[in-house]
Amino acid sequence: MVEAPTAPTDNQLVARTLNGDVGAFNDLVTRWEGSLYRFVVRYLGDTEEARDICQEAFLRAYTNLDRFRGQAKFSSWLYQIALNQCRSQFRKKKSRPTVSLDEDEQQNHLRLVPADAETPDASAIKVQNASALQTALARLPEDQRTAIILKEYHGLKFREIAEILETPESTVKSRLYHGLESLAKSLGHLKTQGLQT
C-alpha cells in the first residue's frame, strides 16, 4: 500500500519560496487566506477593507519573507503583519471598530441562543443578542478585543497569541480574562455560552 504524500509544512513552503518557487507561496496563501480574512473582518468590521488588508499582508509577507526566521510559526508572523495593518488603518480613521459577527460566526464559539430554536421570536432575539455582543466587543480596549478574537473565534493557543502580540503569555491571559469579565458585565442579561477562559 502506497502512503499518500504529506502536505509540506509552512516552513518547508517558506524555504521553497526563498529558493525561487513562487507556487510554494501561493500554497501558503491558499492555506491561510480564509483564516486571516475572517480575523481581519472581525477586527475591522468591514469586508472591503478586510480584503485590502489581507492582500497587503500577503504582499508584505512575500516581500519580507527573507526576514522570517522561523522562531515563531509562519501563521503567527502573518497574523502579526495583518494586525499591524489593522492598527495602522485605525490610526488613519481614528474611530472605534465594529466587530463583524456575520457569516456563520453565531454558530461557532459565541452561541447566544440554542441552535435548535427556530421560532421567529427566538430568531429575532438571536439577532438582537448578536448585535449587543458586537457593540460590547467594539467597546473593549483594543488589546482585550484582539485577545478575545484570536482565542475565542480562532481557537489559538496562548503561546500563539503571545507570539502575534509580542507579549508574555501571562499578559495575554490577563487581557483575555479582563475582556471576558467586561463582556460578562455588559451582557449580563444575555446567555453567553461558549466564551471560554
C-alpha atoms as a PDB file:
ATOM      1  CA  MET A   1       0.000   0.000   0.000  1.00  0.00           C
ATOM      2  CA  VAL A   2       1.409   3.364  -1.052  1.00  0.00           C
ATOM      3  CA  GLU A   3       1.181   6.090   1.563  1.00  0.00           C
ATOM      4  CA  ALA A   4      -0.278   9.407   0.462  1.00  0.00           C
ATOM      5  CA  PRO A   5       2.295  12.182   0.484  1.00  0.00           C
ATOM      6  CA  THR A   6       2.032  14.501   3.454  1.00  0.00           C
ATOM      7  CA  ALA A   7       1.437  18.192   2.872  1.00  0.00           C
ATOM      8  CA  PRO A   8       4.536  20.328   3.254  1.00  0.00           C
ATOM      9  CA  THR A   9       4.834  22.365   6.437  1.00  0.00           C
ATOM     10  CA  ASP A  10       4.679  26.144   6.377  1.00  0.00           C
ATOM     11  CA  ASN A  11       8.423  26.310   6.977  1.00  0.00           C
ATOM     12  CA  GLN A  12       9.072  23.989   4.041  1.00  0.00           C
ATOM     13  CA  LEU A  13       6.913  26.185   1.810  1.00  0.00           C
ATOM     14  CA  VAL A  14       8.776  29.282   3.035  1.00  0.00           C
ATOM     15  CA  ALA A  15      12.107  27.630   2.189  1.00  0.00           C
ATOM     16  CA  ARG A  16      10.872  26.668  -1.276  1.00  0.00           C
ATOM     17  CA  THR A  17       9.650  30.218  -1.883  1.00  0.00           C
ATOM     18  CA  LEU A  18      13.011  31.642  -0.873  1.00  0.00           C
ATOM     19  CA  ASN A  19      14.597  29.225  -3.361  1.00  0.00           C
ATOM     20  CA  GLY A  20      12.506  30.697  -6.174  1.00  0.00           C
ATOM     21  CA  ASP A  21       9.363  28.528  -6.121  1.00  0.00           C
ATOM     22  CA  VAL A  22       6.570  31.126  -6.332  1.00  0.00           C
ATOM     23  CA  GLY A  23       3.982  28.348  -6.358  1.00  0.00           C
ATOM     24  CA  ALA A  24       5.031  27.457  -2.826  1.00  0.00           C
ATOM     25  CA  PHE A  25       3.991  30.920  -1.623  1.00  0.00           C
ATOM     26  CA  ASN A  26       0.679  30.507  -3.439  1.00  0.00           C
ATOM     27  CA  ASP A  27       0.202  27.351  -1.362  1.00  0.00           C
ATOM     28  CA  LEU A  28       0.783  29.419   1.799  1.00  0.00           C
ATOM     29  CA  VAL A  29      -1.790  31.963   0.625  1.00  0.00           C
ATOM     30  CA  THR A  30      -4.314  29.198  -0.080  1.00  0.00           C
ATOM     31  CA  ARG A  31      -3.654  27.668   3.325  1.00  0.00           C
ATOM     32  CA  TRP A  32      -4.046  30.882   5.357  1.00  0.00           C
ATOM     33  CA  GLU A  33      -6.181  33.337   3.365  1.00  0.00           C
ATOM     34  CA  GLY A  34      -9.546  32.203   4.796  1.00  0.00           C
ATOM     35  CA  SER A  35      -8.451  32.298   8.402  1.00  0.00           C
ATOM     36  CA  LEU A  36      -6.629  35.603   8.014  1.00  0.00           C
ATOM     37  CA  TYR A  37      -9.591  37.189   6.246  1.00  0.00           C
ATOM     38  CA  ARG A  38     -12.012  36.117   8.993  1.00  0.00           C
ATOM     39  CA  PHE A  39      -9.689  37.591  11.622  1.00  0.00           C
ATOM     40  CA  VAL A  40      -9.381  40.925   9.815  1.00  0.00           C
ATOM     41  CA  VAL A  41     -13.144  41.141   9.132  1.00  0.00           C
ATOM     42  CA  ARG A  42     -13.866  40.581  12.830  1.00  0.00           C
ATOM     43  CA  TYR A  43     -11.263  43.129  13.799  1.00  0.00           C
ATOM     44  CA  LEU A  44     -12.225  45.847  11.282  1.00  0.00           C
ATOM     45  CA  GLY A  45     -15.913  45.088  10.798  1.00  0.00           C
ATOM     46  CA  ASP A  46     -15.615  45.983   7.091  1.00  0.00           C
ATOM     47  CA  THR A  47     -15.383  43.309   4.396  1.00  0.00           C
ATOM     48  CA  GLU A  48     -13.941  45.591   1.714  1.00  0.00           C
ATOM     49  CA  GLU A  49     -11.196  46.918   3.982  1.00  0.00           C
ATOM     50  CA  ALA A  50     -10.523  43.371   5.173  1.00  0.00           C
ATOM     51  CA  ARG A  51      -9.842  42.229   1.601  1.00  0.00           C
ATOM     52  CA  ASP A  52      -7.416  45.095   1.080  1.00  0.00           C
ATOM     53  CA  ILE A  53      -5.636  44.457   4.394  1.00  0.00           C
ATOM     54  CA  CYS A  54      -5.281  40.737   3.640  1.00  0.00           C
ATOM     55  CA  GLN A  55      -3.839  41.403   0.192  1.00  0.00           C
ATOM     56  CA  GLU A  56      -1.403  43.901   1.688  1.00  0.00           C
ATOM     57  CA  ALA A  57      -0.454  41.471   4.484  1.00  0.00           C
ATOM     58  CA  PHE A  58       0.362  38.697   1.999  1.00  0.00           C
ATOM     59  CA  LEU A  59       2.278  41.133  -0.183  1.00  0.00           C
ATOM     60  CA  ARG A  60       4.319  42.318   2.797  1.00  0.00           C
ATOM     61  CA  ALA A  61       4.901  38.740   3.910  1.00  0.00           C
ATOM     62  CA  TYR A  62       6.154  37.827   0.431  1.00  0.00           C
ATOM     63  CA  THR A  63       8.469  40.826   0.078  1.00  0.00           C
ATOM     64  CA  ASN A  64       9.847  40.387   3.604  1.00  0.00           C
ATOM     65  CA  LEU A  65       9.990  36.599   3.626  1.00  0.00           C
ATOM     66  CA  ASP A  66      13.761  36.636   3.987  1.00  0.00           C
ATOM     67  CA  ARG A  67      13.240  38.268   7.403  1.00  0.00           C
ATOM     68  CA  PHE A  68      11.118  35.370   8.643  1.00  0.00           C
ATOM     69  CA  ARG A  69      13.442  33.385  10.897  1.00  0.00           C
ATOM     70  CA  GLY A  70      11.121  30.556  11.860  1.00  0.00           C
ATOM     71  CA  GLN A  71      11.337  31.365  15.566  1.00  0.00           C
ATOM     72  CA  ALA A  72       7.551  31.773  15.603  1.00  0.00           C
ATOM     73  CA  LYS A  73       5.035  29.955  13.438  1.00  0.00           C
ATOM     74  CA  PHE A  74       4.529  31.384   9.963  1.00  0.00           C
ATOM     75  CA  SER A  75       0.830  31.872  10.739  1.00  0.00           C
ATOM     76  CA  SER A  76       1.691  33.894  13.872  1.00  0.00           C
ATOM     77  CA  TRP A  77       4.044  36.081  11.822  1.00  0.00           C
ATOM     78  CA  LEU A  78       1.342  36.573   9.182  1.00  0.00           C
ATOM     79  CA  TYR A  79      -1.313  37.470  11.781  1.00  0.00           C
ATOM     80  CA  GLN A  80       1.141  39.952  13.275  1.00  0.00           C
ATOM     81  CA  ILE A  81       1.620  41.648   9.898  1.00  0.00           C
ATOM     82  CA  ALA A  82      -2.161  41.851   9.395  1.00  0.00           C
ATOM     83  CA  LEU A  83      -2.722  43.126  12.938  1.00  0.00           C
ATOM     84  CA  ASN A  84      -0.184  45.898  12.377  1.00  0.00           C
ATOM     85  CA  GLN A  85      -2.014  46.810   9.164  1.00  0.00           C
ATOM     86  CA  CYS A  86      -5.335  46.908  11.043  1.00  0.00           C
ATOM     87  CA  ARG A  87      -3.878  49.153  13.735  1.00  0.00           C
ATOM     88  CA  SER A  88      -2.465  51.456  11.080  1.00  0.00           C
ATOM     89  CA  GLN A  89      -5.888  51.626   9.443  1.00  0.00           C
ATOM     90  CA  PHE A  90      -7.479  52.609  12.772  1.00  0.00           C
ATOM     91  CA  ARG A  91      -4.920  55.344  13.331  1.00  0.00           C
ATOM     92  CA  LYS A  92      -5.892  56.755   9.941  1.00  0.00           C
ATOM     93  CA  LYS A  93      -9.595  56.593  10.714  1.00  0.00           C
ATOM     94  CA  LYS A  94      -9.351  57.426  14.430  1.00  0.00           C
ATOM     95  CA  SER A  95     -12.619  55.610  15.037  1.00  0.00           C
ATOM     96  CA  ARG A  96     -13.810  52.664  17.056  1.00  0.00           C
ATOM     97  CA  PRO A  97     -14.183  49.378  15.172  1.00  0.00           C
ATOM     98  CA  THR A  98     -17.328  47.432  14.596  1.00  0.00           C
ATOM     99  CA  VAL A  99     -16.700  43.757  15.144  1.00  0.00           C
ATOM    100  CA  SER A 100     -18.414  41.650  12.496  1.00  0.00           C
ATOM    101  CA  LEU A 101     -20.229  38.507  13.534  1.00  0.00           C
ATOM    102  CA  ASP A 102     -21.665  37.709  10.128  1.00  0.00           C
ATOM    103  CA  GLU A 103     -21.286  34.518   8.109  1.00  0.00           C
ATOM    104  CA  ASP A 104     -21.580  31.536  10.422  1.00  0.00           C
ATOM    105  CA  GLU A 105     -19.974  33.065  13.488  1.00  0.00           C
ATOM    106  CA  GLN A 106     -23.037  32.944  15.718  1.00  0.00           C
ATOM    107  CA  GLN A 107     -22.945  29.184  15.272  1.00  0.00           C
ATOM    108  CA  ASN A 108     -19.291  28.767  16.279  1.00  0.00           C
ATOM    109  CA  HIS A 109     -17.948  29.820  19.667  1.00  0.00           C
ATOM    110  CA  LEU A 110     -20.376  32.567  20.607  1.00  0.00           C
ATOM    111  CA  ARG A 111     -23.683  30.765  20.860  1.00  0.00           C
ATOM    112  CA  LEU A 112     -26.195  33.167  22.325  1.00  0.00           C
ATOM    113  CA  VAL A 113     -29.375  31.210  21.649  1.00  0.00           C
ATOM    114  CA  PRO A 114     -29.723  27.413  21.427  1.00  0.00           C
ATOM    115  CA  ALA A 115     -29.173  26.206  17.865  1.00  0.00           C
ATOM    116  CA  ASP A 116     -32.500  24.339  17.771  1.00  0.00           C
ATOM    117  CA  ALA A 117     -34.547  27.495  18.473  1.00  0.00           C
ATOM    118  CA  GLU A 118     -36.391  28.204  15.234  1.00  0.00           C
ATOM    119  CA  THR A 119     -39.328  30.375  16.213  1.00  0.00           C
ATOM    120  CA  PRO A 120     -39.451  33.910  14.777  1.00  0.00           C
ATOM    121  CA  ASP A 121     -39.189  35.359  18.283  1.00  0.00           C
ATOM    122  CA  ALA A 122     -36.084  33.280  19.026  1.00  0.00           C
ATOM    123  CA  SER A 123     -34.567  34.309  15.702  1.00  0.00           C
ATOM    124  CA  ALA A 124     -35.186  37.994  16.457  1.00  0.00           C
ATOM    125  CA  ILE A 125     -33.657  37.592  19.919  1.00  0.00           C
ATOM    126  CA  LYS A 126     -30.608  35.910  18.383  1.00  0.00           C
ATOM    127  CA  VAL A 127     -30.057  38.839  16.011  1.00  0.00           C
ATOM    128  CA  GLN A 128     -30.568  41.339  18.831  1.00  0.00           C
ATOM    129  CA  ASN A 129     -28.129  39.474  21.095  1.00  0.00           C
ATOM    130  CA  ALA A 130     -25.517  39.242  18.341  1.00  0.00           C
ATOM    131  CA  SER A 131     -25.805  42.990  17.824  1.00  0.00           C
ATOM    132  CA  ALA A 132     -25.380  43.607  21.566  1.00  0.00           C
ATOM    133  CA  LEU A 133     -22.319  41.361  21.602  1.00  0.00           C
ATOM    134  CA  GLN A 134     -20.884  43.138  18.562  1.00  0.00           C
ATOM    135  CA  THR A 135     -21.301  46.508  20.279  1.00  0.00           C
ATOM    136  CA  ALA A 136     -19.826  45.252  23.559  1.00  0.00           C
ATOM    137  CA  LEU A 137     -16.775  43.799  21.795  1.00  0.00           C
ATOM    138  CA  ALA A 138     -16.194  47.051  19.912  1.00  0.00           C
ATOM    139  CA  ARG A 139     -16.182  48.963  23.218  1.00  0.00           C
ATOM    140  CA  LEU A 140     -13.412  46.855  24.741  1.00  0.00           C
ATOM    141  CA  PRO A 141      -9.847  48.147  24.764  1.00  0.00           C
ATOM    142  CA  GLU A 142      -8.040  47.053  21.600  1.00  0.00           C
ATOM    143  CA  ASP A 143      -5.673  44.658  23.393  1.00  0.00           C
ATOM    144  CA  GLN A 144      -8.534  42.819  25.136  1.00  0.00           C
ATOM    145  CA  ARG A 145     -10.652  42.671  21.972  1.00  0.00           C
ATOM    146  CA  THR A 146      -7.737  41.263  19.970  1.00  0.00           C
ATOM    147  CA  ALA A 147      -7.041  38.578  22.575  1.00  0.00           C
ATOM    148  CA  ILE A 148     -10.707  37.543  22.601  1.00  0.00           C
ATOM    149  CA  ILE A 149     -10.934  37.391  18.789  1.00  0.00           C
ATOM    150  CA  LEU A 150      -7.770  35.296  18.493  1.00  0.00           C
ATOM    151  CA  LYS A 151      -8.674  32.924  21.344  1.00  0.00           C
ATOM    152  CA  GLU A 152     -12.449  32.596  21.148  1.00  0.00           C
ATOM    153  CA  TYR A 153     -13.019  32.890  17.405  1.00  0.00           C
ATOM    154  CA  HIS A 154      -9.814  31.382  16.055  1.00  0.00           C
ATOM    155  CA  GLY A 155      -9.031  28.964  18.878  1.00  0.00           C
ATOM    156  CA  LEU A 156      -5.367  29.923  19.008  1.00  0.00           C
ATOM    157  CA  LYS A 157      -3.260  28.796  21.937  1.00  0.00           C
ATOM    158  CA  PHE A 158      -1.993  31.351  24.430  1.00  0.00           C
ATOM    159  CA  ARG A 159       1.551  30.790  23.153  1.00  0.00           C
ATOM    160  CA  GLU A 160       0.498  31.610  19.581  1.00  0.00           C
ATOM    161  CA  ILE A 161      -1.376  34.736  20.661  1.00  0.00           C
ATOM    162  CA  ALA A 162       1.652  35.823  22.694  1.00  0.00           C
ATOM    163  CA  GLU A 163       3.810  35.467  19.561  1.00  0.00           C
ATOM    164  CA  ILE A 164       1.396  37.518  17.463  1.00  0.00           C
ATOM    165  CA  LEU A 165       1.050  40.271  20.070  1.00  0.00           C
ATOM    166  CA  GLU A 166       4.719  40.071  21.087  1.00  0.00           C
ATOM    167  CA  THR A 167       3.790  39.920  24.747  1.00  0.00           C
ATOM    168  CA  PRO A 168       4.145  37.320  27.525  1.00  0.00           C
ATOM    169  CA  GLU A 169       1.523  34.565  27.795  1.00  0.00           C
ATOM    170  CA  SER A 170       0.583  35.814  31.260  1.00  0.00           C
ATOM    171  CA  THR A 171      -0.303  39.209  29.750  1.00  0.00           C
ATOM    172  CA  VAL A 172      -2.445  37.544  27.082  1.00  0.00           C
ATOM    173  CA  LYS A 173      -4.287  35.549  29.759  1.00  0.00           C
ATOM    174  CA  SER A 174      -4.839  38.699  31.800  1.00  0.00           C
ATOM    175  CA  ARG A 175      -6.179  40.609  28.795  1.00  0.00           C
ATOM    176  CA  LEU A 176      -8.481  37.746  27.902  1.00  0.00           C
ATOM    177  CA  TYR A 177      -9.738  37.413  31.484  1.00  0.00           C
ATOM    178  CA  HIS A 178     -10.421  41.141  31.870  1.00  0.00           C
ATOM    179  CA  GLY A 179     -12.005  41.340  28.423  1.00  0.00           C
ATOM    180  CA  LEU A 180     -14.330  38.428  29.099  1.00  0.00           C
ATOM    181  CA  GLU A 181     -15.154  39.872  32.513  1.00  0.00           C
ATOM    182  CA  SER A 182     -16.096  43.196  30.889  1.00  0.00           C
ATOM    183  CA  LEU A 183     -18.199  41.382  28.300  1.00  0.00           C
ATOM    184  CA  ALA A 184     -19.980  39.438  31.016  1.00  0.00           C
ATOM    185  CA  LYS A 185     -20.852  42.686  32.809  1.00  0.00           C
ATOM    186  CA  SER A 186     -22.001  44.369  29.593  1.00  0.00           C
ATOM    187  CA  LEU A 187     -24.006  41.348  28.506  1.00  0.00           C
ATOM    188  CA  GLY A 188     -25.212  40.179  31.911  1.00  0.00           C
ATOM    189  CA  HIS A 189     -28.769  39.972  30.599  1.00  0.00           C
ATOM    190  CA  LEU A 190     -27.713  37.516  27.844  1.00  0.00           C
ATOM    191  CA  LYS A 191     -26.693  33.899  27.999  1.00  0.00           C
ATOM    192  CA  THR A 192     -23.135  33.939  26.619  1.00  0.00           C
ATOM    193  CA  GLN A 193     -22.458  30.259  26.299  1.00  0.00           C
ATOM    194  CA  GLY A 194     -19.228  29.287  24.607  1.00  0.00           C
ATOM    195  CA  LEU A 195     -16.964  32.085  25.786  1.00  0.00           C
ATOM    196  CA  GLN A 196     -14.207  30.087  27.381  1.00  0.00           C
ATOM    197  CA  THR A 197     -11.423  31.429  29.573  1.00  0.00           C
END
